[in-house]
N, C-alpha and C. Protein backbone atom coordinates (compact mmCIF):
# COMPACT_ATOMS: atom_id res chain seq x y z
N MET A 1 4.45 -21.37 -20.93
CA MET A 1 3.74 -19.94 -21.42
C MET A 1 3.08 -20.12 -19.89
N ALA A 2 2.81 -18.37 -19.82
CA ALA A 2 2.17 -17.95 -18.60
C ALA A 2 0.67 -17.93 -18.91
N GLU A 3 0.09 -17.64 -17.29
CA GLU A 3 -1.97 -17.77 -17.90
C GLU A 3 -1.89 -15.96 -17.97
N ARG A 4 -2.95 -16.33 -18.95
CA ARG A 4 -3.12 -15.06 -19.33
C ARG A 4 -4.63 -14.18 -18.72
N ILE A 5 -4.32 -12.80 -18.57
CA ILE A 5 -5.41 -12.26 -17.99
C ILE A 5 -6.65 -12.31 -18.64
N ARG A 6 -7.60 -12.22 -17.57
CA ARG A 6 -9.21 -12.77 -18.00
C ARG A 6 -9.68 -11.43 -17.42
N PHE A 7 -10.53 -10.98 -18.00
CA PHE A 7 -11.64 -9.93 -17.62
C PHE A 7 -12.94 -10.37 -17.33
N HIS A 8 -13.26 -9.39 -16.04
CA HIS A 8 -14.95 -9.39 -15.86
C HIS A 8 -15.69 -8.08 -16.23
N LEU A 9 -16.70 -7.60 -16.65
CA LEU A 9 -16.83 -6.42 -17.22
C LEU A 9 -18.35 -6.07 -16.18
N ASP A 10 -18.03 -5.40 -15.64
CA ASP A 10 -19.45 -4.37 -14.37
C ASP A 10 -20.50 -4.59 -15.74
N GLU A 11 -21.69 -4.10 -15.01
CA GLU A 11 -23.13 -4.59 -15.79
C GLU A 11 -23.01 -3.21 -16.40
N HIS A 12 -22.85 -2.23 -16.06
CA HIS A 12 -22.46 -0.51 -16.82
C HIS A 12 -21.57 -0.50 -18.22
N ILE A 13 -20.88 -1.49 -18.15
CA ILE A 13 -19.89 -1.60 -19.28
C ILE A 13 -20.88 -2.02 -20.69
N ASP A 14 -20.42 -1.21 -21.93
CA ASP A 14 -21.47 -1.73 -22.99
C ASP A 14 -20.94 -2.99 -23.43
N PRO A 15 -21.71 -4.28 -23.38
CA PRO A 15 -21.42 -5.16 -24.19
C PRO A 15 -20.50 -5.58 -25.10
N ASP A 16 -20.99 -4.00 -25.98
CA ASP A 16 -20.05 -4.39 -27.62
C ASP A 16 -18.12 -4.56 -27.17
N LEU A 17 -18.11 -3.95 -26.05
CA LEU A 17 -16.67 -4.20 -25.42
C LEU A 17 -16.33 -5.54 -25.22
N ALA A 18 -17.16 -6.46 -24.62
CA ALA A 18 -17.13 -7.91 -24.30
C ALA A 18 -16.92 -8.37 -25.87
N ARG A 19 -17.81 -8.18 -26.82
CA ARG A 19 -17.76 -8.93 -27.81
C ARG A 19 -16.16 -8.29 -28.64
N ALA A 20 -15.83 -7.43 -28.94
CA ALA A 20 -14.83 -6.66 -29.42
C ALA A 20 -13.54 -8.03 -29.03
N LEU A 21 -13.61 -7.64 -27.36
CA LEU A 21 -12.09 -8.36 -26.82
C LEU A 21 -12.33 -9.78 -27.04
N ARG A 22 -13.33 -10.48 -27.27
CA ARG A 22 -13.57 -11.82 -27.55
C ARG A 22 -12.99 -12.05 -28.84
N ARG A 23 -13.36 -11.03 -29.92
CA ARG A 23 -12.90 -11.38 -31.90
C ARG A 23 -11.37 -11.20 -31.28
N TYR A 24 -10.88 -10.52 -30.78
CA TYR A 24 -9.33 -10.62 -30.21
C TYR A 24 -8.58 -11.80 -29.64
N GLY A 25 -9.73 -12.54 -28.67
CA GLY A 25 -9.04 -13.84 -28.44
C GLY A 25 -8.89 -14.01 -27.06
N VAL A 26 -9.58 -12.67 -26.53
CA VAL A 26 -9.78 -12.48 -24.64
C VAL A 26 -10.92 -13.27 -24.05
N ASP A 27 -10.59 -13.90 -22.85
CA ASP A 27 -11.49 -14.18 -21.99
C ASP A 27 -11.77 -13.18 -21.25
N VAL A 28 -13.68 -13.05 -21.62
CA VAL A 28 -14.08 -12.15 -20.72
C VAL A 28 -15.60 -12.29 -20.41
N THR A 29 -16.11 -11.93 -19.62
CA THR A 29 -17.22 -12.50 -19.07
C THR A 29 -18.11 -11.14 -18.77
N THR A 30 -19.57 -10.94 -18.97
CA THR A 30 -20.17 -9.35 -18.27
C THR A 30 -20.86 -10.12 -16.56
N THR A 31 -21.17 -8.93 -16.34
CA THR A 31 -21.82 -9.13 -14.98
C THR A 31 -23.53 -9.89 -15.43
N VAL A 32 -24.10 -9.33 -16.95
CA VAL A 32 -25.12 -10.14 -17.16
C VAL A 32 -25.60 -11.42 -17.59
N GLU A 33 -24.03 -11.57 -18.53
CA GLU A 33 -24.16 -13.14 -18.55
C GLU A 33 -23.89 -14.09 -17.74
N VAL A 34 -23.33 -13.46 -16.43
CA VAL A 34 -23.12 -14.73 -15.48
C VAL A 34 -24.05 -14.54 -14.05
N GLY A 35 -25.38 -13.90 -14.82
CA GLY A 35 -26.68 -13.89 -13.61
C GLY A 35 -26.30 -13.09 -12.29
N LEU A 36 -25.80 -11.65 -12.68
CA LEU A 36 -25.39 -10.89 -11.82
C LEU A 36 -26.00 -9.35 -11.63
N ARG A 37 -26.92 -9.26 -12.60
CA ARG A 37 -27.31 -7.80 -12.81
C ARG A 37 -28.02 -7.54 -11.39
N SER A 38 -27.69 -6.49 -11.12
CA SER A 38 -28.49 -6.00 -10.03
C SER A 38 -28.08 -6.39 -8.68
N ALA A 39 -26.90 -7.56 -8.91
CA ALA A 39 -26.02 -7.70 -7.51
C ALA A 39 -25.56 -7.09 -6.82
N SER A 40 -25.20 -6.81 -5.48
CA SER A 40 -24.29 -5.91 -4.75
C SER A 40 -22.83 -5.57 -5.57
N ASP A 41 -22.46 -4.33 -5.19
CA ASP A 41 -20.93 -4.69 -5.80
C ASP A 41 -20.15 -5.63 -4.84
N ARG A 42 -20.36 -6.00 -3.77
CA ARG A 42 -19.18 -6.96 -3.33
C ARG A 42 -19.51 -8.45 -3.69
N LYS A 43 -20.85 -8.72 -4.40
CA LYS A 43 -21.07 -10.09 -4.94
C LYS A 43 -20.60 -9.89 -6.01
N GLN A 44 -20.33 -8.88 -6.75
CA GLN A 44 -20.02 -8.81 -8.45
C GLN A 44 -18.38 -8.80 -8.00
N MET A 45 -17.53 -8.42 -7.12
CA MET A 45 -16.20 -8.58 -6.96
C MET A 45 -16.20 -10.06 -6.46
N ASP A 46 -16.86 -10.36 -5.90
CA ASP A 46 -16.48 -11.88 -5.27
C ASP A 46 -16.54 -12.70 -6.32
N PHE A 47 -17.31 -12.68 -7.18
CA PHE A 47 -17.24 -13.57 -8.61
C PHE A 47 -15.83 -13.20 -9.18
N ALA A 48 -15.58 -11.98 -9.65
CA ALA A 48 -14.64 -11.95 -10.08
C ALA A 48 -13.19 -12.51 -9.68
N ARG A 49 -13.22 -12.42 -8.13
CA ARG A 49 -12.02 -13.02 -7.18
C ARG A 49 -12.12 -14.58 -7.15
N ARG A 50 -13.56 -15.14 -7.26
CA ARG A 50 -13.47 -16.79 -7.49
C ARG A 50 -12.91 -16.97 -8.75
N GLU A 51 -13.12 -16.30 -9.79
CA GLU A 51 -12.71 -16.61 -11.09
C GLU A 51 -11.54 -16.21 -11.68
N ASN A 52 -10.74 -15.74 -10.64
CA ASN A 52 -9.35 -14.97 -11.01
C ASN A 52 -9.48 -13.93 -12.14
N ARG A 53 -10.32 -12.91 -12.41
CA ARG A 53 -10.67 -11.92 -13.39
C ARG A 53 -10.47 -10.66 -13.11
N VAL A 54 -9.85 -9.93 -13.60
CA VAL A 54 -9.54 -8.63 -13.43
C VAL A 54 -11.14 -7.70 -13.96
N PHE A 55 -11.59 -6.93 -12.75
CA PHE A 55 -12.59 -6.32 -12.83
C PHE A 55 -12.72 -5.07 -13.79
N VAL A 56 -12.95 -4.70 -14.96
CA VAL A 56 -13.60 -3.78 -15.49
C VAL A 56 -14.53 -2.99 -15.25
N THR A 57 -14.63 -1.27 -14.80
CA THR A 57 -15.56 -0.86 -14.57
C THR A 57 -15.52 0.67 -14.63
N HIS A 58 -16.68 1.59 -14.85
CA HIS A 58 -16.98 2.85 -14.60
C HIS A 58 -17.29 3.42 -13.47
N ASP A 59 -17.53 2.41 -12.17
CA ASP A 59 -17.96 2.72 -11.56
C ASP A 59 -17.04 3.10 -9.85
N ALA A 60 -17.15 4.26 -9.43
CA ALA A 60 -16.24 4.53 -8.37
C ALA A 60 -16.41 3.69 -7.23
N ASP A 61 -17.66 3.01 -7.09
CA ASP A 61 -18.12 2.60 -5.68
C ASP A 61 -16.84 1.52 -5.43
N PHE A 62 -16.67 0.83 -6.62
CA PHE A 62 -15.16 -0.30 -6.56
C PHE A 62 -14.44 0.10 -5.72
N LEU A 63 -13.74 1.55 -6.28
CA LEU A 63 -12.62 2.11 -5.98
C LEU A 63 -12.94 2.22 -4.17
N ARG A 64 -13.82 2.99 -3.68
CA ARG A 64 -13.80 2.97 -2.34
C ARG A 64 -14.24 1.50 -1.59
N MET A 65 -14.71 0.35 -2.26
CA MET A 65 -15.11 -0.30 -1.45
C MET A 65 -13.75 -1.32 -1.20
N ILE A 66 -13.01 -1.48 -2.52
CA ILE A 66 -11.49 -2.15 -1.87
C ILE A 66 -10.66 -1.48 -1.08
N SER A 67 -10.70 -0.21 -1.15
CA SER A 67 -9.95 0.52 -0.33
C SER A 67 -9.55 0.21 1.06
N ASP A 68 -10.76 -0.62 1.18
CA ASP A 68 -10.48 -1.23 2.92
C ASP A 68 -9.96 -2.47 2.78
N ASN A 69 -8.75 -2.68 1.98
CA ASN A 69 -7.38 -3.85 1.89
C ASN A 69 -8.34 -5.04 1.70
N GLN A 70 -9.38 -4.76 0.83
CA GLN A 70 -9.70 -5.79 0.30
C GLN A 70 -8.90 -6.69 -1.07
N GLU A 71 -8.53 -7.81 -1.02
CA GLU A 71 -7.87 -8.58 -2.07
C GLU A 71 -8.72 -8.57 -3.30
N HIS A 72 -8.38 -8.69 -4.57
CA HIS A 72 -8.83 -8.91 -5.71
C HIS A 72 -7.45 -9.03 -6.70
N HIS A 73 -8.27 -9.00 -7.74
CA HIS A 73 -7.02 -9.93 -9.05
C HIS A 73 -6.93 -8.97 -9.96
N GLY A 74 -7.03 -7.51 -9.37
CA GLY A 74 -6.79 -6.21 -10.80
C GLY A 74 -8.52 -5.80 -10.82
N ILE A 75 -8.30 -4.32 -11.07
CA ILE A 75 -9.16 -3.35 -11.19
C ILE A 75 -9.00 -2.52 -12.50
N VAL A 76 -9.81 -2.50 -13.73
CA VAL A 76 -9.49 -1.32 -14.71
C VAL A 76 -10.67 -0.28 -14.27
N TYR A 77 -10.45 0.62 -13.94
CA TYR A 77 -11.47 1.97 -13.69
C TYR A 77 -10.99 2.75 -15.19
N CYS A 78 -12.38 2.83 -15.69
CA CYS A 78 -12.52 3.82 -16.43
C CYS A 78 -13.22 4.78 -16.65
N SER A 79 -13.08 6.24 -16.85
CA SER A 79 -13.96 7.39 -16.57
C SER A 79 -14.68 7.28 -18.05
N LYS A 80 -15.92 7.04 -18.25
CA LYS A 80 -16.79 6.67 -19.25
C LYS A 80 -16.81 7.94 -20.24
N ALA A 81 -16.60 9.08 -19.73
CA ALA A 81 -16.68 10.46 -20.08
C ALA A 81 -15.45 10.84 -20.90
N GLU A 82 -14.62 10.00 -20.48
CA GLU A 82 -12.92 10.61 -20.88
C GLU A 82 -12.23 9.54 -22.09
N ARG A 83 -13.17 8.69 -22.26
CA ARG A 83 -12.66 7.79 -23.08
C ARG A 83 -13.52 7.20 -24.49
N SER A 84 -12.91 6.98 -24.93
CA SER A 84 -13.94 6.18 -26.44
C SER A 84 -13.94 4.73 -26.16
N MET A 85 -14.75 3.98 -26.91
CA MET A 85 -14.94 3.03 -26.94
C MET A 85 -13.89 1.91 -27.60
N GLY A 86 -13.40 2.80 -28.71
CA GLY A 86 -12.19 2.00 -29.44
C GLY A 86 -10.83 2.23 -28.43
N GLU A 87 -11.11 3.68 -27.61
CA GLU A 87 -9.65 3.60 -27.05
C GLU A 87 -9.64 2.60 -25.53
N ILE A 88 -10.81 2.60 -25.20
CA ILE A 88 -10.99 1.30 -24.23
C ILE A 88 -10.31 0.42 -24.49
N ILE A 89 -10.90 -0.71 -25.75
CA ILE A 89 -10.86 -1.62 -26.37
C ILE A 89 -9.34 -1.72 -26.40
N ARG A 90 -8.87 -0.87 -27.09
CA ARG A 90 -7.27 -0.78 -27.37
C ARG A 90 -6.24 -0.85 -25.64
N THR A 91 -6.68 -0.02 -24.84
CA THR A 91 -6.10 0.02 -23.73
C THR A 91 -6.14 -1.71 -23.00
N LEU A 92 -7.47 -2.10 -23.02
CA LEU A 92 -7.82 -3.27 -22.54
C LEU A 92 -6.48 -4.77 -22.88
N ILE A 93 -6.66 -4.64 -24.38
CA ILE A 93 -5.82 -5.46 -25.15
C ILE A 93 -4.16 -5.05 -24.82
N LEU A 94 -3.87 -4.01 -24.75
CA LEU A 94 -2.41 -3.75 -24.27
C LEU A 94 -2.26 -4.23 -22.73
N ILE A 95 -3.10 -4.06 -22.32
CA ILE A 95 -3.29 -4.78 -20.82
C ILE A 95 -2.84 -6.09 -20.90
N TYR A 96 -3.77 -6.82 -21.62
CA TYR A 96 -3.89 -8.23 -21.71
C TYR A 96 -2.53 -8.85 -22.49
N GLU A 97 -1.84 -8.18 -23.33
CA GLU A 97 -0.78 -8.29 -23.72
C GLU A 97 0.47 -8.33 -23.30
N VAL A 98 0.56 -7.29 -22.13
CA VAL A 98 1.91 -7.33 -21.26
C VAL A 98 2.18 -7.70 -19.95
N LEU A 99 0.68 -7.37 -19.66
CA LEU A 99 0.95 -7.94 -18.48
C LEU A 99 0.22 -9.52 -17.93
N ILE A 100 0.60 -10.06 -17.05
CA ILE A 100 0.12 -11.50 -16.43
C ILE A 100 -0.61 -11.19 -15.32
N PRO A 101 -1.33 -12.33 -15.08
CA PRO A 101 -2.25 -12.04 -14.08
C PRO A 101 -1.60 -11.66 -12.38
N GLU A 102 -0.48 -12.18 -12.01
CA GLU A 102 0.59 -11.77 -11.33
C GLU A 102 0.62 -10.26 -10.81
N GLU A 103 0.92 -9.58 -12.46
CA GLU A 103 1.33 -8.48 -12.29
C GLU A 103 0.38 -7.28 -12.11
N ILE A 104 -0.84 -7.73 -11.97
CA ILE A 104 -1.83 -6.83 -11.97
C ILE A 104 -3.16 -7.11 -11.25
N ALA A 105 -2.60 -8.27 -9.97
CA ALA A 105 -3.11 -8.51 -8.96
C ALA A 105 -2.80 -7.76 -7.69
N GLY A 106 -4.08 -7.08 -7.24
CA GLY A 106 -3.68 -6.34 -6.35
C GLY A 106 -3.97 -4.49 -6.73
N ARG A 107 -3.73 -4.63 -7.93
CA ARG A 107 -3.56 -2.97 -8.58
C ARG A 107 -4.78 -2.55 -9.19
N ILE A 108 -4.70 -1.33 -9.08
CA ILE A 108 -5.86 -0.52 -9.83
C ILE A 108 -5.24 0.23 -11.48
N GLU A 109 -5.61 -0.27 -12.37
CA GLU A 109 -5.21 0.87 -13.39
C GLU A 109 -6.45 1.71 -13.68
N PHE A 110 -5.81 2.79 -14.10
CA PHE A 110 -6.68 3.83 -14.25
C PHE A 110 -7.09 4.06 -16.11
N ILE A 111 -7.85 4.45 -16.95
CA ILE A 111 -7.78 4.13 -18.21
C ILE A 111 -8.82 5.55 -18.28
């Protein structure tokens, strides 16, 4: 069986999202849980890279940061104003179910 996607949630993502994904069996960490609250965007992305995690964020700064050809294991960007919590959860579960890490690596998924 292929390895599954693992997510890392930016500190601005509601922690209820992590709880909901975990109930579904998804491996997810949060910036607060791993001790990176208030850390620079670069340090947060370095953590996600070291841990082979897809980074989930509302922060457009991450999109600008990786535009300089920085390697990453995937980014899911969602506009907080445009999606409900339920929509975000359903979309992340769909990504988890249909993609493997190699398919999302280096890509940005806009939800």
